[in-house]
């Protein structure tokens, strides 16, 4: 049973910051007794600290954002629009985006490494880890996107196969 006379803040074992108590008065009874609540406000930390996984890199590979057989990537205007939109999403969710790579299919039909994948390179690990968390399972044009970290050396060499 809860102790309703206890005005201490609820116990939160993992909390680093102490909650701030605020007395909120919202009216009076007919006898003149104030009606009030004691509220607790826990300050929000403005810094975001992602939890790093093993294998965290500055490069994220997005699967299922576009299908490899989609004809819109063959048209240059649609391809540029798609790249702009992906860059905007990457900046919105991660911040310090350095480069976006969307491999374009060859018009002759020759196989191209990485077609159907989107690669986002960030300036630091914090940005890429935060972006991966935000973009993983995001819906884009009706598809659920899968975000995974990609090896930086393979990305730098242009080897987009996994």
Protein backbone atom coordinates (compact mmCIF):
# COMPACT_ATOMS: atom_id res chain seq x y z
CA UNK A 1 0.00 0.00 0.00
CA UNK A 2 1.30 3.45 -0.90
CA UNK A 3 2.17 5.88 1.87
CA UNK A 4 0.19 9.00 0.89
CA UNK A 5 1.68 11.08 3.70
CA UNK A 6 5.21 10.66 2.36
CA UNK A 7 6.11 13.74 0.29
CA UNK A 8 9.56 12.56 -0.77
CA UNK A 9 10.17 12.10 -4.50
CA UNK A 10 9.72 8.62 -5.90
CA UNK A 11 12.85 6.47 -5.73
CA UNK A 12 14.66 6.23 -9.05
CA UNK A 13 17.80 4.14 -8.73
CA UNK A 14 19.43 5.13 -12.03
CA UNK A 15 18.86 8.84 -11.72
CA UNK A 16 21.86 11.15 -11.47
CA UNK A 17 19.95 14.41 -11.11
CA UNK A 18 17.71 15.11 -8.14
CA UNK A 19 14.09 16.00 -8.90
CA UNK A 20 13.02 19.55 -8.09
CA UNK A 21 9.86 19.86 -6.01
CA UNK A 22 7.23 22.40 -7.08
CA UNK A 23 4.21 23.36 -4.97
CA UNK A 24 1.25 24.07 -7.23
CA UNK A 25 -1.82 25.74 -5.72
CA UNK A 26 -4.94 25.58 -7.86
CA UNK A 27 -7.76 26.84 -5.65
CA UNK A 28 -9.35 27.01 -2.22
CA UNK A 29 -12.11 25.14 -0.42
CA UNK A 30 -15.22 27.04 0.75
CA UNK A 31 -13.58 27.18 4.18
CA UNK A 32 -10.51 28.93 2.69
CA UNK A 33 -8.09 26.00 2.89
CA UNK A 34 -5.78 25.97 -0.13
CA UNK A 35 -5.96 22.99 -2.47
CA UNK A 36 -2.51 22.13 -3.75
CA UNK A 37 -0.34 19.41 -5.24
CA UNK A 38 3.31 18.76 -4.63
CA UNK A 39 4.85 17.95 -8.00
CA UNK A 40 8.33 16.77 -8.87
CA UNK A 41 10.18 17.94 -11.94
CA UNK A 42 13.25 16.06 -13.12
CA UNK A 43 15.48 18.30 -15.23
CA UNK A 44 16.19 17.06 -18.73
CA UNK A 45 19.83 16.70 -19.64
CA UNK A 46 20.42 18.64 -22.88
CA UNK A 47 23.31 16.43 -23.97
CA UNK A 48 22.47 13.23 -25.74
CA UNK A 49 24.72 10.31 -24.92
CA UNK A 50 24.17 7.30 -27.13
CA UNK A 51 25.12 3.88 -25.93
CA UNK A 52 27.84 2.50 -28.18
CA UNK A 53 27.52 -1.02 -29.51
CA UNK A 54 30.42 -3.19 -30.48
CA UNK A 55 31.41 -2.24 -34.01
CA UNK A 56 30.12 1.34 -33.88
CA UNK A 57 31.49 3.29 -36.85
CA UNK A 58 30.90 6.69 -38.43
CA UNK A 59 29.14 5.07 -41.41
CA UNK A 60 25.56 3.78 -41.38
CA UNK A 61 24.06 1.55 -44.05
CA UNK A 62 20.28 1.78 -44.52
CA UNK A 63 18.54 -1.26 -45.98
CA UNK A 64 15.02 -1.39 -47.44
CA UNK A 65 14.90 2.38 -48.04
CA UNK A 66 14.71 1.75 -51.77
CA UNK A 67 14.31 -1.52 -53.64
CA UNK A 68 17.15 -2.44 -56.02
CA UNK A 69 14.79 -2.94 -58.95
CA UNK A 70 13.09 0.43 -58.51
CA UNK A 71 13.13 2.30 -61.80
CA UNK A 72 13.05 5.78 -60.25
CA UNK A 73 16.77 5.62 -59.41
CA UNK A 74 17.61 5.25 -63.10
CA UNK A 75 16.08 8.66 -63.88
CA UNK A 76 18.62 11.38 -62.98
CA UNK A 77 16.06 13.92 -61.73
CA UNK A 78 14.33 11.38 -59.45
CA UNK A 79 17.72 10.16 -58.26
CA UNK A 80 18.78 13.70 -57.28
CA UNK A 81 15.48 14.29 -55.45
CA UNK A 82 15.88 11.00 -53.59
CA UNK A 83 19.48 11.86 -52.60
CA UNK A 84 18.39 15.31 -51.36
CA UNK A 85 15.60 13.80 -49.28
CA UNK A 86 17.90 11.15 -47.78
CA UNK A 87 20.48 13.83 -46.94
CA UNK A 88 17.81 15.92 -45.21
CA UNK A 89 16.64 12.90 -43.18
CA UNK A 90 20.24 12.10 -42.22
CA UNK A 91 20.91 15.67 -41.09
CA UNK A 92 17.63 15.89 -39.22
CA UNK A 93 18.23 12.68 -37.28
CA UNK A 94 22.00 12.76 -36.80
CA UNK A 95 23.30 16.25 -37.30
CA UNK A 96 26.88 16.25 -38.52
CA UNK A 97 26.44 14.45 -41.84
CA UNK A 98 29.60 14.43 -43.96
CA UNK A 99 28.55 12.44 -47.02
CA UNK A 100 25.59 10.55 -48.46
CA UNK A 101 26.11 7.75 -50.99
CA UNK A 102 23.25 6.13 -52.88
CA UNK A 103 24.61 3.70 -55.49
CA UNK A 104 22.75 4.19 -58.76
CA UNK A 105 21.92 1.27 -61.06
CA UNK A 106 23.80 1.02 -64.33
CA UNK A 107 21.53 1.89 -67.31
CA UNK A 108 23.01 -1.02 -69.28
CA UNK A 109 21.93 -3.46 -66.56
CA UNK A 110 25.44 -4.34 -65.37
CA UNK A 111 25.57 -5.17 -61.65
CA UNK A 112 26.61 -2.30 -59.37
CA UNK A 113 27.76 -2.89 -55.79
CA UNK A 114 25.41 -1.57 -53.13
CA UNK A 115 22.37 -0.81 -55.29
CA UNK A 116 19.33 -0.63 -53.03
CA UNK A 117 21.35 0.54 -50.00
CA UNK A 118 21.92 4.04 -48.66
CA UNK A 119 25.15 5.01 -46.89
CA UNK A 120 25.45 7.93 -44.47
CA UNK A 121 28.85 9.04 -43.19
CA UNK A 122 28.93 11.22 -40.06
CA UNK A 123 31.68 13.39 -38.60
CA UNK A 124 31.83 11.56 -35.25
CA UNK A 125 30.64 8.45 -33.44
CA UNK A 126 28.08 10.32 -31.33
CA UNK A 127 26.25 11.55 -34.43
CA UNK A 128 26.29 8.18 -36.16
CA UNK A 129 25.16 6.27 -33.05
CA UNK A 130 22.32 8.72 -32.42
CA UNK A 131 21.30 8.66 -36.07
CA UNK A 132 21.29 4.86 -36.18
CA UNK A 133 18.98 4.78 -33.19
CA UNK A 134 16.64 7.30 -34.79
CA UNK A 135 16.61 5.80 -38.30
CA UNK A 136 16.36 2.11 -37.35
CA UNK A 137 12.81 0.87 -38.03
CA UNK A 138 11.79 4.29 -39.35
CA UNK A 139 9.16 4.17 -42.10
CA UNK A 140 10.21 5.67 -45.44
CA UNK A 141 7.76 5.59 -48.35
CA UNK A 142 5.85 2.72 -46.75
CA UNK A 143 8.92 0.59 -45.99
CA UNK A 144 10.51 -0.09 -42.62
CA UNK A 145 14.17 0.89 -42.79
CA UNK A 146 16.91 -1.19 -41.16
CA UNK A 147 20.00 0.76 -40.05
CA UNK A 148 23.32 -0.98 -39.37
CA UNK A 149 26.88 0.23 -38.90
CA UNK A 150 29.16 -0.23 -41.92
CA UNK A 151 32.94 -0.66 -41.95
CA UNK A 152 34.68 2.69 -42.57
CA UNK A 153 37.56 1.17 -44.54
CA UNK A 154 35.21 -0.62 -46.94
CA UNK A 155 33.21 2.60 -47.36
CA UNK A 156 36.35 4.64 -48.06
CA UNK A 157 37.42 2.12 -50.74
CA UNK A 158 33.99 2.16 -52.40
CA UNK A 159 33.29 -1.49 -51.53
CA UNK A 160 29.56 -1.27 -50.82
CA UNK A 161 28.86 -5.01 -50.69
CA UNK A 162 28.38 -6.53 -47.25
